Protein backbone atom coordinates (compact mmCIF):
# COMPACT_ATOMS: atom_id res chain seq x y z
CA MET A 1 180.62 -34.14 218.11
CA LYS A 2 177.20 -35.37 216.99
CA LYS A 3 178.24 -35.01 213.30
CA LEU A 4 181.37 -37.16 214.03
CA VAL A 5 179.32 -39.86 215.72
CA LEU A 6 176.79 -39.88 212.87
CA SER A 7 179.60 -40.12 210.29
CA LEU A 8 181.13 -43.05 212.09
CA PHE A 9 177.74 -44.84 212.27
CA ALA A 10 177.21 -44.33 208.54
CA CYS A 11 180.64 -45.84 207.80
CA LEU A 12 179.95 -48.87 210.00
CA ALA A 13 176.56 -49.51 208.52
CA VAL A 14 177.72 -50.32 205.04
CA PRO A 15 179.75 -53.41 205.87
CA THR A 16 177.06 -54.56 208.18
CA LEU A 17 174.58 -54.59 205.40
CA SER A 18 177.06 -56.15 203.02
CA ALA A 19 177.86 -58.88 205.46
CA GLN A 20 174.18 -59.99 205.37
CA THR A 21 174.61 -61.12 201.77
CA THR A 22 176.26 -64.44 201.10
CA LYS A 23 177.76 -65.21 197.63
CA VAL A 24 177.53 -68.94 196.76
CA GLN A 25 178.62 -71.08 193.86
CA PHE A 26 175.77 -73.64 193.76
CA ARG A 27 174.37 -76.50 191.75
CA THR A 28 170.79 -77.81 191.81
CA LEU A 29 169.17 -81.23 191.74
CA CYS A 30 165.52 -81.54 191.34
CA LEU A 31 163.97 -84.99 192.11
CA GLU A 32 160.90 -84.17 189.96
CA LEU A 33 160.03 -81.08 188.13
CA VAL A 34 156.82 -79.28 189.11
CA PRO A 35 154.91 -78.36 185.91
CA GLY A 36 155.44 -74.73 185.11
CA MET A 37 158.17 -74.29 187.64
CA GLU A 38 161.26 -75.46 185.90
CA ASN A 39 162.69 -71.98 185.17
CA LEU A 40 163.17 -70.10 188.42
CA THR A 41 164.74 -66.81 189.45
CA ILE A 42 166.75 -65.55 192.40
CA ALA A 43 167.48 -61.98 193.42
CA GLY A 44 170.22 -60.26 191.45
CA GLU A 45 173.10 -58.45 193.00
CA LYS A 46 171.49 -55.07 192.33
CA ALA A 47 168.12 -53.98 193.62
CA GLY A 48 165.31 -54.93 191.21
CA GLU A 49 167.44 -57.34 189.28
CA THR A 50 166.83 -61.10 189.01
CA LYS A 51 168.91 -64.04 187.78
CA GLN A 52 167.53 -67.07 185.85
CA VAL A 53 168.05 -70.56 187.32
CA LYS A 54 166.93 -73.64 185.32
CA LEU A 55 166.17 -76.81 187.24
CA PHE A 56 167.29 -80.22 186.03
CA THR A 57 166.53 -83.76 187.22
CA ASP A 58 170.26 -84.33 187.40
CA VAL A 59 173.03 -82.23 188.98
CA SER A 60 173.09 -78.91 187.16
CA PRO A 61 175.94 -76.74 186.04
CA VAL A 62 177.41 -74.25 188.50
CA VAL A 63 175.47 -71.05 189.11
CA GLU A 64 176.64 -68.05 191.18
CA GLY A 65 174.11 -66.34 193.44
CA SER A 66 173.96 -63.86 196.25
CA PHE A 67 171.47 -64.60 199.06
CA ALA A 68 170.41 -62.24 201.84
CA GLY A 69 170.00 -63.23 205.48
CA GLY A 70 171.52 -66.67 205.09
CA GLN A 71 168.45 -67.90 203.13
CA ALA A 72 168.38 -69.38 199.65
CA GLU A 73 165.08 -68.27 198.13
CA PHE A 74 163.76 -69.07 194.60
CA PHE A 75 160.82 -67.62 192.69
CA ALA A 76 158.73 -68.44 189.60
CA GLU A 77 156.64 -66.08 187.50
CA THR A 78 153.04 -67.16 187.13
CA ALA A 79 150.05 -65.46 185.46
CA GLY A 80 147.98 -63.38 187.82
CA ALA A 81 144.17 -62.82 187.61
CA ASP A 82 144.76 -59.96 185.25
CA GLY A 83 147.05 -62.05 183.03
CA LYS A 84 150.13 -60.11 184.10
CA PRO A 85 153.17 -62.05 185.51
CA VAL A 86 153.25 -62.39 189.31
CA LYS A 87 156.40 -63.47 191.25
CA GLN A 88 155.67 -66.50 193.40
CA ALA A 89 158.05 -67.98 196.08
CA VAL A 90 158.57 -71.65 195.26
CA ALA A 91 161.38 -72.73 197.51
CA LYS A 92 163.23 -71.41 200.62
CA ALA A 93 165.86 -72.81 202.94
CA SER A 94 168.78 -71.86 205.20
CA LEU A 95 172.11 -71.99 203.36
CA ALA A 96 174.82 -74.47 204.34
CA LYS A 97 178.30 -73.22 205.33
CA SER A 98 180.47 -73.72 202.22
CA GLU A 99 181.08 -71.34 199.35
CA ARG A 100 180.04 -74.23 197.10
CA GLN A 101 176.64 -75.84 197.78
CA LEU A 102 174.19 -78.35 196.33
CA PHE A 103 170.51 -77.35 196.42
CA LEU A 104 168.16 -80.28 196.51
CA PHE A 105 164.66 -79.53 195.32
CA ILE A 106 161.97 -81.99 196.46
CA PRO A 107 158.30 -81.50 195.19
CA THR A 108 155.90 -81.20 198.24
CA GLY A 109 152.73 -81.96 196.29
CA SER A 110 150.83 -79.77 198.69
CA LYS A 111 148.84 -76.64 198.04
CA ASP A 112 149.40 -75.52 201.54
CA LYS A 113 153.15 -75.46 201.24
CA LEU A 114 155.73 -74.01 198.83
CA PRO A 115 155.93 -76.21 195.61
CA TYR A 116 159.42 -77.36 196.45
CA HIS A 117 161.05 -78.41 199.79
CA LEU A 118 164.69 -77.21 199.54
CA VAL A 119 167.62 -78.60 201.39
CA CYS A 120 171.18 -77.06 201.06
CA TYR A 121 174.36 -79.19 201.39
CA ASP A 122 178.04 -78.22 201.52
CA ASP A 123 179.51 -79.28 198.06
CA ASP A 124 183.18 -78.55 198.26
CA THR A 125 185.59 -81.45 198.22
CA LYS A 126 186.62 -80.87 201.88
CA ALA A 127 183.12 -81.45 203.13
CA PHE A 128 182.33 -84.03 200.48
CA PRO A 129 185.62 -85.67 199.34
CA MET A 130 186.23 -87.50 196.10
CA GLY A 131 185.72 -91.26 196.38
CA ASN A 132 182.91 -90.83 198.85
CA ILE A 133 179.18 -91.43 198.88
CA ARG A 134 176.63 -88.94 200.27
CA ALA A 135 173.53 -90.99 201.23
CA ILE A 136 170.41 -88.76 201.71
CA ASN A 137 167.46 -90.44 203.33
CA LEU A 138 164.05 -89.00 202.29
CA ALA A 139 162.08 -92.11 203.32
CA PRO A 140 159.77 -91.93 206.35
CA GLY A 141 161.82 -94.56 208.20
CA PRO A 142 165.52 -95.26 208.74
CA VAL A 143 167.71 -96.86 206.04
CA ARG A 144 171.03 -98.61 206.09
CA PHE A 145 173.60 -99.91 203.67
CA VAL A 146 175.37 -103.19 203.62
CA ILE A 147 178.64 -102.68 201.79
CA SER A 148 180.80 -105.63 201.01
CA GLY A 149 179.09 -107.41 203.86
CA ALA A 150 179.64 -104.60 206.38
CA GLN A 151 176.63 -102.78 207.70
CA THR A 152 176.55 -98.99 208.05
CA PRO A 153 174.88 -97.16 210.94
CA GLU A 154 171.15 -96.35 210.38
CA ILE A 155 170.42 -93.06 208.62
CA PRO A 156 167.27 -91.47 210.24
CA PRO A 157 164.58 -89.84 208.11
CA GLY A 158 165.60 -86.46 206.68
CA LYS A 159 169.30 -86.99 207.55
CA HIS A 160 172.33 -87.83 205.46
CA ALA A 161 175.57 -89.63 205.93
CA LEU A 162 178.91 -89.72 204.32
CA PHE A 163 181.07 -92.80 203.84
CA PRO A 164 183.88 -93.95 201.36
CA HIS A 165 183.75 -96.54 198.73
CA SER A 166 184.58 -100.13 199.87
CA LYS A 167 188.18 -101.32 199.42
CA LYS A 168 186.90 -105.01 199.22
CA VAL A 169 186.50 -105.16 195.50
CA ASN A 170 186.74 -107.70 192.72
CA GLU A 171 189.10 -107.59 189.75
CA TYR A 172 186.92 -104.97 188.17
CA ASP A 173 186.86 -102.70 191.23
CA MET A 174 183.26 -103.55 191.84
CA TYR A 175 181.66 -104.42 195.23
CA PRO A 176 178.20 -105.48 196.36
CA VAL A 177 175.78 -103.02 198.02
CA VAL A 178 172.36 -103.79 199.64
CA VAL A 179 170.17 -100.90 200.59
CA GLU A 180 167.67 -101.70 203.31
CA PHE A 181 164.57 -99.78 204.54
CA ARG A 182 162.96 -100.25 207.95
CA GLY A 183 159.23 -100.56 207.74
CA VAL A 184 156.59 -99.44 210.27
CA ASP A 185 156.66 -103.00 211.76
CA GLY A 186 160.33 -102.57 212.54
CA LYS A 187 161.50 -105.13 209.94
CA TRP A 188 164.12 -104.40 207.41
CA VAL A 189 163.25 -104.66 203.74
CA LYS A 190 165.72 -104.94 200.89
CA GLY A 191 165.16 -101.89 198.58
CA GLN A 192 168.02 -102.54 196.19
CA SER A 193 170.85 -105.03 195.69
CA VAL A 194 173.51 -103.87 193.18
CA ASN A 195 177.27 -103.58 192.51
CA TRP A 196 179.04 -100.25 192.77
CA LYS A 197 182.42 -99.36 191.35
CA SER A 198 185.04 -98.15 193.77
CA THR A 199 186.74 -95.06 192.44
CA ASP A 200 188.50 -91.94 193.79
CA ARG A 201 187.78 -90.04 190.53
CA ARG A 202 184.21 -89.08 191.32
CA ARG A 203 181.70 -88.79 194.06
CA GLU A 204 178.22 -90.41 194.37
CA VAL A 205 174.98 -88.89 195.68
CA VAL A 206 172.50 -91.58 196.73
CA ILE A 207 168.86 -90.63 197.61
CA THR A 208 166.61 -93.14 199.30
CA MET A 209 162.87 -92.57 199.31
CA ILE A 210 159.41 -94.19 199.07
CA ASP A 211 157.69 -93.71 195.78
CA PRO A 212 154.67 -91.52 196.58
CA LYS A 213 152.46 -93.37 194.00
CA PHE A 214 153.44 -97.02 194.32
CA LYS A 215 154.66 -96.89 197.99
CA GLN A 216 157.76 -98.89 197.15
CA PRO A 217 161.40 -98.21 198.14
CA VAL A 218 163.38 -96.19 195.57
CA VAL A 219 167.13 -95.63 195.36
CA LYS A 220 168.42 -92.89 193.12
CA LEU A 221 172.12 -92.68 192.29
CA TYR A 222 173.88 -89.64 190.80
CA GLY A 223 177.54 -89.93 189.78
CA ASP A 224 179.27 -86.59 190.34
CA VAL A 225 182.52 -85.20 189.01
CA PRO A 226 182.73 -81.63 190.28
CA PRO A 227 183.23 -79.45 187.16
CA TRP A 228 185.69 -77.09 188.92
CA LEU A 229 188.10 -80.15 189.12
CA GLU A 230 187.83 -81.08 185.46
CA THR A 231 190.84 -80.41 183.31
CA PRO A 232 190.09 -77.98 180.56
CA ALA A 233 190.46 -79.28 177.02
CA ALA A 234 193.78 -78.52 175.42
CA THR A 235 193.68 -75.62 172.94
CA PRO A 236 194.70 -76.98 169.44
């Protein structure tokens, strides 16, 4: 009877361990590369193996990775005191829910923290549909958008919001957008005033932040056409 119980336990243990590993199709976006930490690694599917991941200051190609314990963890190899390579953790964060995710790398600039602060977002077109804008606020105060004269709700620091392109466009499918930042005095300051193109053929990732050097509002815009939706080139 004891042998039977042990056998059943052994059979049940395998899927339990397997379930702790999550396979994700991910892309990366690094706001600024930390010198010497552009080429990272993640754990491979087999024990002792690693997989290379190159960071870009734009949305990267798709990479497949397997992560244990619901955590995305990245490493870099640096030279130790004896000159031999040493694996160093550089970024770690809880995974989002989707099988497709975007990993945003934000330099911390602090010796007391990991080199990158990492945030994971669902990247599939159900969570982030075509024709939509994902606004990520990294500023220390709230931001808001005035789109074709209509004001969006405030986006708190460290949060993000999703909203569609405006339907109030001109003959070129363009519409006005003003990005406003709330200062410490409670007053709203115009950070950017531009025209965006309304389209259902791509998505936009917009990041709002304060430049750490010049202390001025910054708005970064990344157009995104998910590569898994692109039509392969015809074979001649």
